[in-house]
Amino acid sequence: MATNLDTTFAALADPTRRAILAMLLEDDMAVTDVAEPFRMSLAAISKHLIVLTAAGLISQEKRGRVKWCKLEPDALRDAAVWMQGFGQISGIDLDAFEAFLDAQEVGT
C-alpha cells in the first residue's frame, strides 16, 4: 500500500496533472482534447498522462485512431483511507485539496 500511496501522491504533486484530473471529472477525453488548454507540447502532456496511468488514476484506451483518457473512480480510495486515519479528514474534496496546494505554492 505504501508504494501505491507514494505513486498516487507523486502524481498529484504536479499542478498540470491535477488539472487534467479535474478535466476528466467531467467526461472521458481524447488525448488531443486534454492537451488543448495547456501551453505545452503533446509529448509533454503524454508524459503527464503516463504518470497518471501508472498511478492508476486514469486509464487510456485506443478507440480507432484516437487515444481516450478516463478517470478511474476508485483510484484515490487508498489515499482517502490513509488520510482519514488521521481523523481530521472526513472525506476527500479534491477541489479544496487543490486550493490548499495552490495556496502553499503561492506562499513559497
PDB file of N, CA and C in Angstrom:
ATOM      1  N   MET A   1       0.826  -1.200   0.000  1.00  0.00           N
ATOM      2  CA  MET A   1       0.000   0.000   0.000  1.00  0.00           C
ATOM      3  C   MET A   1       0.869   1.262   0.000  1.00  0.00           C
ATOM      4  N   ALA A   2       2.018   1.225   0.695  1.00  0.00           N
ATOM      5  CA  ALA A   2       2.879   2.402   0.754  1.00  0.00           C
ATOM      6  C   ALA A   2       3.359   2.806  -0.636  1.00  0.00           C
ATOM      7  N   THR A   3       3.713   1.841  -1.458  1.00  0.00           N
ATOM      8  CA  THR A   3       4.163   2.149  -2.810  1.00  0.00           C
ATOM      9  C   THR A   3       3.044   2.801  -3.609  1.00  0.00           C
ATOM     10  N   ASN A   4       1.828   2.277  -3.472  1.00  0.00           N
ATOM     11  CA  ASN A   4       0.686   2.882  -4.168  1.00  0.00           C
ATOM     12  C   ASN A   4       0.470   4.315  -3.706  1.00  0.00           C
ATOM     13  N   LEU A   5       0.573   4.555  -2.406  1.00  0.00           N
ATOM     14  CA  LEU A   5       0.394   5.907  -1.889  1.00  0.00           C
ATOM     15  C   LEU A   5       1.478   6.837  -2.410  1.00  0.00           C
ATOM     16  N   ASP A   6       2.716   6.364  -2.425  1.00  0.00           N
ATOM     17  CA  ASP A   6       3.813   7.186  -2.939  1.00  0.00           C
ATOM     18  C   ASP A   6       3.556   7.572  -4.389  1.00  0.00           C
ATOM     19  N   THR A   7       3.140   6.602  -5.181  1.00  0.00           N
ATOM     20  CA  THR A   7       2.870   6.849  -6.593  1.00  0.00           C
ATOM     21  C   THR A   7       1.693   7.803  -6.767  1.00  0.00           C
ATOM     22  N   THR A   8       0.652   7.604  -5.970  1.00  0.00           N
ATOM     23  CA  THR A   8      -0.532   8.470  -6.051  1.00  0.00           C
ATOM     24  C   THR A   8      -0.186   9.902  -5.686  1.00  0.00           C
ATOM     25  N   PHE A   9       0.482  10.085  -4.548  1.00  0.00           N
ATOM     26  CA  PHE A   9       0.805  11.447  -4.122  1.00  0.00           C
ATOM     27  C   PHE A   9       1.828  12.107  -5.038  1.00  0.00           C
ATOM     28  N   ALA A  10       2.750  11.331  -5.588  1.00  0.00           N
ATOM     29  CA  ALA A  10       3.710  11.890  -6.558  1.00  0.00           C
ATOM     30  C   ALA A  10       2.964  12.378  -7.809  1.00  0.00           C
ATOM     31  N   ALA A  11       1.990  11.613  -8.247  1.00  0.00           N
ATOM     32  CA  ALA A  11       1.195  12.019  -9.416  1.00  0.00           C
ATOM     33  C   ALA A  11       0.387  13.275  -9.113  1.00  0.00           C
ATOM     34  N   LEU A  12      -0.150  13.369  -7.910  1.00  0.00           N
ATOM     35  CA  LEU A  12      -0.970  14.526  -7.527  1.00  0.00           C
ATOM     36  C   LEU A  12      -0.138  15.768  -7.225  1.00  0.00           C
ATOM     37  N   ALA A  13       1.165  15.607  -7.082  1.00  0.00           N
ATOM     38  CA  ALA A  13       2.022  16.730  -6.709  1.00  0.00           C
ATOM     39  C   ALA A  13       2.153  17.781  -7.814  1.00  0.00           C
ATOM     40  N   ASP A  14       1.880  17.392  -9.037  1.00  0.00           N
ATOM     41  CA  ASP A  14       2.048  18.313 -10.155  1.00  0.00           C
ATOM     42  C   ASP A  14       0.739  19.019 -10.494  1.00  0.00           C
ATOM     43  N   PRO A  15       0.759  20.355 -10.605  1.00  0.00           N
ATOM     44  CA  PRO A  15      -0.495  21.081 -10.885  1.00  0.00           C
ATOM     45  C   PRO A  15      -1.099  20.754 -12.254  1.00  0.00           C
ATOM     46  N   THR A  16      -0.269  20.434 -13.234  1.00  0.00           N
ATOM     47  CA  THR A  16      -0.805  20.064 -14.546  1.00  0.00           C
ATOM     48  C   THR A  16      -1.587  18.769 -14.441  1.00  0.00           C
ATOM     49  N   ARG A  17      -1.046  17.801 -13.703  1.00  0.00           N
ATOM     50  CA  ARG A  17      -1.746  16.523 -13.562  1.00  0.00           C
ATOM     51  C   ARG A  17      -3.035  16.689 -12.764  1.00  0.00           C
ATOM     52  N   ARG A  18      -3.029  17.551 -11.761  1.00  0.00           N
ATOM     53  CA  ARG A  18      -4.268  17.808 -11.018  1.00  0.00           C
ATOM     54  C   ARG A  18      -5.304  18.454 -11.927  1.00  0.00           C
ATOM     55  N   ALA A  19      -4.872  19.353 -12.791  1.00  0.00           N
ATOM     56  CA  ALA A  19      -5.795  19.996 -13.728  1.00  0.00           C
ATOM     57  C   ALA A  19      -6.368  18.973 -14.706  1.00  0.00           C
ATOM     58  N   ILE A  20      -5.532  18.057 -15.151  1.00  0.00           N
ATOM     59  CA  ILE A  20      -6.014  17.000 -16.061  1.00  0.00           C
ATOM     60  C   ILE A  20      -7.064  16.156 -15.355  1.00  0.00           C
ATOM     61  N   LEU A  21      -6.814  15.790 -14.108  1.00  0.00           N
ATOM     62  CA  LEU A  21      -7.802  15.002 -13.357  1.00  0.00           C
ATOM     63  C   LEU A  21      -9.113  15.769 -13.219  1.00  0.00           C
ATOM     64  N   ALA A  22      -9.024  17.061 -12.953  1.00  0.00           N
ATOM     65  CA  ALA A  22     -10.237  17.878 -12.831  1.00  0.00           C
ATOM     66  C   ALA A  22     -11.017  17.894 -14.145  1.00  0.00           C
ATOM     67  N   MET A  23     -10.303  17.967 -15.262  1.00  0.00           N
ATOM     68  CA  MET A  23     -10.967  17.938 -16.568  1.00  0.00           C
ATOM     69  C   MET A  23     -11.669  16.603 -16.800  1.00  0.00           C
ATOM     70  N   LEU A  24     -11.024  15.524 -16.384  1.00  0.00           N
ATOM     71  CA  LEU A  24     -11.593  14.196 -16.610  1.00  0.00           C
ATOM     72  C   LEU A  24     -12.744  13.881 -15.660  1.00  0.00           C
ATOM     73  N   LEU A  25     -12.943  14.717 -14.641  1.00  0.00           N
ATOM     74  CA  LEU A  25     -14.126  14.556 -13.787  1.00  0.00           C
ATOM     75  C   LEU A  25     -15.396  14.750 -14.597  1.00  0.00           C
ATOM     76  N   GLU A  26     -15.311  15.601 -15.615  1.00  0.00           N
ATOM     77  CA  GLU A  26     -16.477  15.909 -16.439  1.00  0.00           C
ATOM     78  C   GLU A  26     -16.862  14.750 -17.347  1.00  0.00           C
ATOM     79  N   ASP A  27     -15.855  14.178 -18.043  1.00  0.00           N
ATOM     80  CA  ASP A  27     -16.134  13.126 -19.021  1.00  0.00           C
ATOM     81  C   ASP A  27     -14.813  12.572 -19.536  1.00  0.00           C
ATOM     82  N   ASP A  28     -14.883  11.435 -20.221  1.00  0.00           N
ATOM     83  CA  ASP A  28     -13.722  10.893 -20.913  1.00  0.00           C
ATOM     84  C   ASP A  28     -13.298  11.903 -21.979  1.00  0.00           C
ATOM     85  N   MET A  29     -11.991  11.943 -22.257  1.00  0.00           N
ATOM     86  CA  MET A  29     -11.496  12.898 -23.251  1.00  0.00           C
ATOM     87  C   MET A  29     -10.424  12.263 -24.110  1.00  0.00           C
ATOM     88  N   ALA A  30     -10.378  12.680 -25.360  1.00  0.00           N
ATOM     89  CA  ALA A  30      -9.277  12.294 -26.243  1.00  0.00           C
ATOM     90  C   ALA A  30      -8.016  13.012 -25.773  1.00  0.00           C
ATOM     91  N   VAL A  31      -6.873  12.382 -25.980  1.00  0.00           N
ATOM     92  CA  VAL A  31      -5.602  12.972 -25.553  1.00  0.00           C
ATOM     93  C   VAL A  31      -5.422  14.366 -26.139  1.00  0.00           C
ATOM     94  N   THR A  32      -5.776  14.557 -27.389  1.00  0.00           N
ATOM     95  CA  THR A  32      -5.623  15.880 -28.014  1.00  0.00           C
ATOM     96  C   THR A  32      -6.503  16.924 -27.333  1.00  0.00           C
ATOM     97  N   ASP A  33      -7.680  16.515 -26.863  1.00  0.00           N
ATOM     98  CA  ASP A  33      -8.561  17.442 -26.137  1.00  0.00           C
ATOM     99  C   ASP A  33      -8.002  17.763 -24.755  1.00  0.00           C
ATOM    100  N   VAL A  34      -7.374  16.777 -24.127  1.00  0.00           N
ATOM    101  CA  VAL A  34      -6.738  17.012 -22.831  1.00  0.00           C
ATOM    102  C   VAL A  34      -5.625  18.040 -23.005  1.00  0.00           C
ATOM    103  N   ALA A  35      -4.872  17.931 -24.070  1.00  0.00           N
ATOM    104  CA  ALA A  35      -3.714  18.803 -24.296  1.00  0.00           C
ATOM    105  C   ALA A  35      -4.093  20.238 -24.656  1.00  0.00           C
ATOM    106  N   GLU A  36      -5.267  20.421 -25.221  1.00  0.00           N
ATOM    107  CA  GLU A  36      -5.656  21.718 -25.793  1.00  0.00           C
ATOM    108  C   GLU A  36      -5.481  22.920 -24.870  1.00  0.00           C
ATOM    109  N   PRO A  37      -5.934  22.895 -23.613  1.00  0.00           N
ATOM    110  CA  PRO A  37      -5.839  24.114 -22.800  1.00  0.00           C
ATOM    111  C   PRO A  37      -4.444  24.420 -22.239  1.00  0.00           C
ATOM    112  N   PHE A  38      -3.488  23.537 -22.448  1.00  0.00           N
ATOM    113  CA  PHE A  38      -2.168  23.719 -21.857  1.00  0.00           C
ATOM    114  C   PHE A  38      -1.181  24.282 -22.866  1.00  0.00           C
ATOM    115  N   ARG A  39      -0.261  25.063 -22.365  1.00  0.00           N
ATOM    116  CA  ARG A  39       0.793  25.628 -23.212  1.00  0.00           C
ATOM    117  C   ARG A  39       2.017  24.725 -23.163  1.00  0.00           C
ATOM    118  N   MET A  40       1.853  23.525 -23.669  1.00  0.00           N
ATOM    119  CA  MET A  40       2.967  22.587 -23.755  1.00  0.00           C
ATOM    120  C   MET A  40       2.698  21.630 -24.896  1.00  0.00           C
ATOM    121  N   SER A  41       3.721  20.923 -25.273  1.00  0.00           N
ATOM    122  CA  SER A  41       3.605  20.024 -26.417  1.00  0.00           C
ATOM    123  C   SER A  41       2.739  18.806 -26.076  1.00  0.00           C
ATOM    124  N   LEU A  42       2.280  18.152 -27.112  1.00  0.00           N
ATOM    125  CA  LEU A  42       1.523  16.920 -26.938  1.00  0.00           C
ATOM    126  C   LEU A  42       2.397  15.859 -26.269  1.00  0.00           C
ATOM    127  N   ALA A  43       3.682  15.866 -26.580  1.00  0.00           N
ATOM    128  CA  ALA A  43       4.611  14.915 -25.952  1.00  0.00           C
ATOM    129  C   ALA A  43       4.703  15.151 -24.443  1.00  0.00           C
ATOM    130  N   ALA A  44       4.719  16.410 -24.027  1.00  0.00           N
ATOM    131  CA  ALA A  44       4.768  16.726 -22.596  1.00  0.00           C
ATOM    132  C   ALA A  44       3.481  16.282 -21.900  1.00  0.00           C
ATOM    133  N   ILE A  45       2.342  16.522 -22.526  1.00  0.00           N
ATOM    134  CA  ILE A  45       1.069  16.065 -21.962  1.00  0.00           C
ATOM    135  C   ILE A  45       1.051  14.548 -21.876  1.00  0.00           C
ATOM    136  N   SER A  46       1.569  13.889 -22.891  1.00  0.00           N
ATOM    137  CA  SER A  46       1.614  12.420 -22.885  1.00  0.00           C
ATOM    138  C   SER A  46       2.422  11.901 -21.701  1.00  0.00           C
ATOM    139  N   LYS A  47       3.496  12.587 -21.353  1.00  0.00           N
ATOM    140  CA  LYS A  47       4.298  12.182 -20.191  1.00  0.00           C
ATOM    141  C   LYS A  47       3.489  12.310 -18.901  1.00  0.00           C
ATOM    142  N   HIS A  48       2.719  13.387 -18.793  1.00  0.00           N
ATOM    143  CA  HIS A  48       1.849  13.545 -17.625  1.00  0.00           C
ATOM    144  C   HIS A  48       0.807  12.425 -17.579  1.00  0.00           C
ATOM    145  N   LEU A  49       0.257  12.089 -18.727  1.00  0.00           N
ATOM    146  CA  LEU A  49      -0.748  11.021 -18.787  1.00  0.00           C
ATOM    147  C   LEU A  49      -0.143   9.667 -18.421  1.00  0.00           C
ATOM    148  N   ILE A  50       1.093   9.443 -18.793  1.00  0.00           N
ATOM    149  CA  ILE A  50       1.778   8.199 -18.415  1.00  0.00           C
ATOM    150  C   ILE A  50       1.903   8.106 -16.897  1.00  0.00           C
ATOM    151  N   VAL A  51       2.256   9.205 -16.254  1.00  0.00           N
ATOM    152  CA  VAL A  51       2.383   9.219 -14.788  1.00  0.00           C
ATOM    153  C   VAL A  51       1.022   8.940 -14.138  1.00  0.00           C
ATOM    154  N   LEU A  52      -0.022   9.586 -14.636  1.00  0.00           N
ATOM    155  CA  LEU A  52      -1.369   9.374 -14.086  1.00  0.00           C
ATOM    156  C   LEU A  52      -1.839   7.944 -14.305  1.00  0.00           C
ATOM    157  N   THR A  53      -1.502   7.379 -15.455  1.00  0.00           N
ATOM    158  CA  THR A  53      -1.881   5.997 -15.746  1.00  0.00           C
ATOM    159  C   THR A  53      -1.111   5.037 -14.844  1.00  0.00           C
ATOM    160  N   ALA A  54       0.182   5.268 -14.676  1.00  0.00           N
ATOM    161  CA  ALA A  54       1.000   4.406 -13.819  1.00  0.00           C
ATOM    162  C   ALA A  54       0.512   4.434 -12.374  1.00  0.00           C
ATOM    163  N   ALA A  55      -0.018   5.575 -11.953  1.00  0.00           N
ATOM    164  CA  ALA A  55      -0.553   5.700 -10.595  1.00  0.00           C
ATOM    165  C   ALA A  55      -1.951   5.097 -10.479  1.00  0.00           C
ATOM    166  N   GLY A  56      -2.530   4.702 -11.616  1.00  0.00           N
ATOM    167  CA  GLY A  56      -3.867   4.121 -11.602  1.00  0.00           C
ATOM    168  C   GLY A  56      -4.975   5.152 -11.485  1.00  0.00           C
ATOM    169  N   LEU A  57      -4.630   6.432 -11.634  1.00  0.00           N
ATOM    170  CA  LEU A  57      -5.634   7.488 -11.501  1.00  0.00           C
ATOM    171  C   LEU A  57      -6.490   7.627 -12.755  1.00  0.00           C
ATOM    172  N   ILE A  58      -5.908   7.278 -13.887  1.00  0.00           N
ATOM    173  CA  ILE A  58      -6.657   7.270 -15.141  1.00  0.00           C
ATOM    174  C   ILE A  58      -6.350   5.982 -15.890  1.00  0.00           C
ATOM    175  N   SER A  59      -7.176   5.705 -16.881  1.00  0.00           N
ATOM    176  CA  SER A  59      -6.870   4.627 -17.820  1.00  0.00           C
ATOM    177  C   SER A  59      -6.924   5.233 -19.210  1.00  0.00           C
ATOM    178  N   GLN A  60      -6.230   4.595 -20.128  1.00  0.00           N
ATOM    179  CA  GLN A  60      -6.226   5.051 -21.513  1.00  0.00           C
ATOM    180  C   GLN A  60      -6.624   3.881 -22.395  1.00  0.00           C
ATOM    181  N   GLU A  61      -7.397   4.196 -23.422  1.00  0.00           N
ATOM    182  CA  GLU A  61      -7.818   3.156 -24.352  1.00  0.00           C
ATOM    183  C   GLU A  61      -7.849   3.738 -25.747  1.00  0.00           C
ATOM    184  N   LYS A  62      -7.473   2.926 -26.683  1.00  0.00           N
ATOM    185  CA  LYS A  62      -7.473   3.359 -28.073  1.00  0.00           C
ATOM    186  C   LYS A  62      -8.805   2.973 -28.701  1.00  0.00           C
ATOM    187  N   ARG A  63      -9.476   3.971 -29.259  1.00  0.00           N
ATOM    188  CA  ARG A  63     -10.734   3.768 -29.983  1.00  0.00           C
ATOM    189  C   ARG A  63     -10.507   4.237 -31.406  1.00  0.00           C
ATOM    190  N   GLY A  64     -10.334   3.273 -32.279  1.00  0.00           N
ATOM    191  CA  GLY A  64      -9.982   3.627 -33.651  1.00  0.00           C
ATOM    192  C   GLY A  64      -8.580   4.200 -33.672  1.00  0.00           C
ATOM    193  N   ARG A  65      -8.447   5.423 -34.165  1.00  0.00           N
ATOM    194  CA  ARG A  65      -7.138   6.077 -34.235  1.00  0.00           C
ATOM    195  C   ARG A  65      -6.921   7.045 -33.086  1.00  0.00           C
ATOM    196  N   VAL A  66      -7.876   7.135 -32.196  1.00  0.00           N
ATOM    197  CA  VAL A  66      -7.830   8.129 -31.127  1.00  0.00           C
ATOM    198  C   VAL A  66      -7.622   7.447 -29.780  1.00  0.00           C
ATOM    199  N   LYS A  67      -6.721   8.010 -28.983  1.00  0.00           N
ATOM    200  CA  LYS A  67      -6.490   7.507 -27.634  1.00  0.00           C
ATOM    201  C   LYS A  67      -7.325   8.339 -26.660  1.00  0.00           C
ATOM    202  N   TRP A  68      -8.112   7.638 -25.836  1.00  0.00           N
ATOM    203  CA  TRP A  68      -9.013   8.293 -24.887  1.00  0.00           C
ATOM    204  C   TRP A  68      -8.528   8.086 -23.461  1.00  0.00           C
ATOM    205  N   CYS A  69      -8.783   9.079 -22.633  1.00  0.00           N
ATOM    206  CA  CYS A  69      -8.423   9.022 -21.214  1.00  0.00           C
ATOM    207  C   CYS A  69      -9.700   8.996 -20.384  1.00  0.00           C
ATOM    208  N   LYS A  70      -9.669   8.195 -19.344  1.00  0.00           N
ATOM    209  CA  LYS A  70     -10.830   8.049 -18.462  1.00  0.00           C
ATOM    210  C   LYS A  70     -10.355   8.078 -17.021  1.00  0.00           C
ATOM    211  N   LEU A  71     -11.030   8.842 -16.195  1.00  0.00           N
ATOM    212  CA  LEU A  71     -10.739   8.888 -14.771  1.00  0.00           C
ATOM    213  C   LEU A  71     -11.148   7.572 -14.133  1.00  0.00           C
ATOM    214  N   GLU A  72     -10.304   7.031 -13.284  1.00  0.00           N
ATOM    215  CA  GLU A  72     -10.625   5.804 -12.563  1.00  0.00           C
ATOM    216  C   GLU A  72     -11.239   6.202 -11.218  1.00  0.00           C
ATOM    217  N   PRO A  73     -12.524   5.955 -11.026  1.00  0.00           N
ATOM    218  CA  PRO A  73     -13.243   6.483  -9.862  1.00  0.00           C
ATOM    219  C   PRO A  73     -12.736   5.980  -8.506  1.00  0.00           C
ATOM    220  N   ASP A  74     -12.197   4.798  -8.444  1.00  0.00           N
ATOM    221  CA  ASP A  74     -11.744   4.263  -7.152  1.00  0.00           C
ATOM    222  C   ASP A  74     -10.255   4.472  -6.911  1.00  0.00           C
ATOM    223  N   ALA A  75      -9.605   5.211  -7.786  1.00  0.00           N
ATOM    224  CA  ALA A  75      -8.155   5.338  -7.729  1.00  0.00           C
ATOM    225  C   ALA A  75      -7.648   6.014  -6.457  1.00  0.00           C
ATOM    226  N   LEU A  76      -8.424   6.904  -5.887  1.00  0.00           N
ATOM    227  CA  LEU A  76      -7.988   7.629  -4.694  1.00  0.00           C
ATOM    228  C   LEU A  76      -8.450   6.979  -3.394  1.00  0.00           C
ATOM    229  N   ARG A  77      -9.038   5.800  -3.494  1.00  0.00           N
ATOM    230  CA  ARG A  77      -9.578   5.138  -2.306  1.00  0.00           C
ATOM    231  C   ARG A  77      -8.509   4.899  -1.237  1.00  0.00           C
ATOM    232  N   ASP A  78      -7.366   4.326  -1.612  1.00  0.00           N
ATOM    233  CA  ASP A  78      -6.314   4.054  -0.630  1.00  0.00           C
ATOM    234  C   ASP A  78      -5.796   5.339   0.007  1.00  0.00           C
ATOM    235  N   ALA A  79      -5.620   6.380  -0.814  1.00  0.00           N
ATOM    236  CA  ALA A  79      -5.158   7.664  -0.279  1.00  0.00           C
ATOM    237  C   ALA A  79      -6.198   8.252   0.678  1.00  0.00           C
ATOM    238  N   ALA A  80      -7.470   8.122   0.321  1.00  0.00           N
ATOM    239  CA  ALA A  80      -8.538   8.639   1.182  1.00  0.00           C
ATOM    240  C   ALA A  80      -8.572   7.889   2.516  1.00  0.00           C
ATOM    241  N   VAL A  81      -8.436   6.585   2.457  1.00  0.00           N
ATOM    242  CA  VAL A  81      -8.432   5.777   3.682  1.00  0.00           C
ATOM    243  C   VAL A  81      -7.242   6.163   4.546  1.00  0.00           C
ATOM    244  N   TRP A  82      -6.086   6.336   3.925  1.00  0.00           N
ATOM    245  CA  TRP A  82      -4.887   6.711   4.675  1.00  0.00           C
ATOM    246  C   TRP A  82      -5.075   8.068   5.350  1.00  0.00           C
ATOM    247  N   MET A  83      -5.616   9.055   4.612  1.00  0.00           N
ATOM    248  CA  MET A  83      -5.807  10.391   5.183  1.00  0.00           C
ATOM    249  C   MET A  83      -6.884  10.391   6.269  1.00  0.00           C
ATOM    250  N   GLN A  84      -7.920   9.575   6.102  1.00  0.00           N
ATOM    251  CA  GLN A  84      -8.970   9.506   7.119  1.00  0.00           C
ATOM    252  C   GLN A  84      -8.434   8.936   8.423  1.00  0.00           C
ATOM    253  N   GLY A  85      -7.363   8.161   8.349  1.00  0.00           N
ATOM    254  CA  GLY A  85      -6.750   7.605   9.547  1.00  0.00           C
ATOM    255  C   GLY A  85      -6.262   8.673  10.506  1.00  0.00           C
ATOM    256  N   PHE A  86      -6.068   9.877  10.037  1.00  0.00           N
ATOM    257  CA  PHE A  86      -5.632  10.959  10.901  1.00  0.00           C
ATOM    258  C   PHE A  86      -6.803  11.597  11.635  1.00  0.00           C
ATOM    259  N   GLY A  87      -8.017  11.223  11.249  1.00  0.00           N
ATOM    260  CA  GLY A  87      -9.205  11.705  11.943  1.00  0.00           C
ATOM    261  C   GLY A  87      -9.576  13.138  11.650  1.00  0.00           C
ATOM    262  N   GLN A  88      -8.780  13.824  10.887  1.00  0.00           N
ATOM    263  CA  GLN A  88      -9.067  15.223  10.588  1.00  0.00           C
ATOM    264  C   GLN A  88      -9.743  15.394   9.240  1.00  0.00           C
ATOM    265  N   ILE A  89      -9.737  14.355   8.447  1.00  0.00           N
ATOM    266  CA  ILE A  89     -10.304  14.440   7.109  1.00  0.00           C
ATOM    267  C   ILE A  89     -11.446  13.449   7.015  1.00  0.00           C
ATOM    268  N   SER A  90     -12.653  13.949   6.846  1.00  0.00           N
ATOM    269  CA  SER A  90     -13.801  13.053   6.794  1.00  0.00           C
ATOM    270  C   SER A  90     -14.080  12.563   5.383  1.00  0.00           C
ATOM    271  N   GLY A  91     -13.661  13.289   4.408  1.00  0.00           N
ATOM    272  CA  GLY A  91     -13.865  12.897   3.019  1.00  0.00           C
ATOM    273  C   GLY A  91     -12.897  13.660   2.145  1.00  0.00           C
ATOM    274  N   ILE A  92     -12.722  13.211   0.951  1.00  0.00           N
ATOM    275  CA  ILE A  92     -11.779  13.867   0.066  1.00  0.00           C
ATOM    276  C   ILE A  92     -12.534  14.851  -0.821  1.00  0.00           C
ATOM    277  N   ASP A  93     -12.224  16.105  -0.642  1.00  0.00           N
ATOM    278  CA  ASP A  93     -12.743  17.166  -1.504  1.00  0.00           C
ATOM    279  C   ASP A  93     -11.563  17.621  -2.352  1.00  0.00           C
ATOM    280  N   LEU A  94     -11.462  17.084  -3.572  1.00  0.00           N
ATOM    281  CA  LEU A  94     -10.299  17.358  -4.413  1.00  0.00           C
ATOM    282  C   LEU A  94     -10.159  18.836  -4.743  1.00  0.00           C
ATOM    283  N   ASP A  95     -11.276  19.545  -4.881  1.00  0.00           N
ATOM    284  CA  ASP A  95     -11.193  20.969  -5.171  1.00  0.00           C
ATOM    285  C   ASP A  95     -10.556  21.724  -4.009  1.00  0.00           C
ATOM    286  N   ALA A  96     -10.978  21.389  -2.793  1.00  0.00           N
ATOM    287  CA  ALA A  96     -10.403  22.033  -1.612  1.00  0.00           C
ATOM    288  C   ALA A  96      -8.935  21.654  -1.454  1.00  0.00           C
ATOM    289  N   PHE A  97      -8.615  20.386  -1.744  1.00  0.00           N
ATOM    290  CA  PHE A  97      -7.239  19.921  -1.648  1.00  0.00           C
ATOM    291  C   PHE A  97      -6.361  20.662  -2.654  1.00  0.00           C
ATOM    292  N   GLU A  98      -6.859  20.839  -3.876  1.00  0.00           N
ATOM    293  CA  GLU A  98      -6.111  21.574  -4.894  1.00  0.00           C
ATOM    294  C   GLU A  98      -5.928  23.029  -4.483  1.00  0.00           C
ATOM    295  N   ALA A  99      -6.978  23.656  -3.942  1.00  0.00           N
ATOM    296  CA  ALA A  99      -6.883  25.046  -3.499  1.00  0.00           C
ATOM    297  C   ALA A  99      -5.843  25.189  -2.402  1.00  0.00           C
ATOM    298  N   PHE A 100      -5.806  24.224  -1.495  1.00  0.00           N
ATOM    299  CA  PHE A 100      -4.816  24.233  -0.419  1.00  0.00           C
ATOM    300  C   PHE A 100      -3.406  24.153  -1.004  1.00  0.00           C
ATOM    301  N   LEU A 101      -3.192  23.219  -1.937  1.00  0.00           N
ATOM    302  CA  LEU A 101      -1.865  23.067  -2.541  1.00  0.00           C
ATOM    303  C   LEU A 101      -1.472  24.304  -3.333  1.00  0.00           C
ATOM    304  N   ASP A 102      -2.422  24.893  -4.041  1.00  0.00           N
ATOM    305  CA  ASP A 102      -2.141  26.117  -4.785  1.00  0.00           C
ATOM    306  C   ASP A 102      -1.752  27.249  -3.839  1.00  0.00           C
ATOM    307  N   ALA A 103      -2.434  27.342  -2.710  1.00  0.00           N
ATOM    308  CA  ALA A 103      -2.102  28.375  -1.722  1.00  0.00           C
ATOM    309  C   ALA A 103      -0.701  28.164  -1.167  1.00  0.00           C
ATOM    310  N   GLN A 104      -0.314  26.911  -0.988  1.00  0.00           N
ATOM    311  CA  GLN A 104       1.022  26.611  -0.491  1.00  0.00           C
ATOM    312  C   GLN A 104       2.092  27.032  -1.505  1.00  0.00           C
ATOM    313  N   GLU A 105       1.801  26.814  -2.800  1.00  0.00           N
ATOM    314  CA  GLU A 105       2.743  27.186  -3.857  1.00  0.00           C
ATOM    315  C   GLU A 105       2.919  28.695  -3.917  1.00  0.00           C
ATOM    316  N   VAL A 106       1.826  29.432  -3.706  1.00  0.00           N
ATOM    317  CA  VAL A 106       1.884  30.891  -3.758  1.00  0.00           C
ATOM    318  C   VAL A 106       2.724  31.409  -2.587  1.00  0.00           C
ATOM    319  N   GLY A 107       2.624  30.758  -1.456  1.00  0.00           N
ATOM    320  CA  GLY A 107       3.345  31.196  -0.263  1.00  0.00           C
ATOM    321  C   GLY A 107       4.828  30.925  -0.317  1.00  0.00           C
ATOM    322  N   THR A 108       5.265  30.053  -1.219  1.00  0.00           N
ATOM    323  CA  THR A 108       6.700  29.737  -1.277  1.00  0.00           C
ATOM    324  C   THR A 108       7.448  30.630  -2.213  1.00  0.00           C
TER     325      THR A 108
END
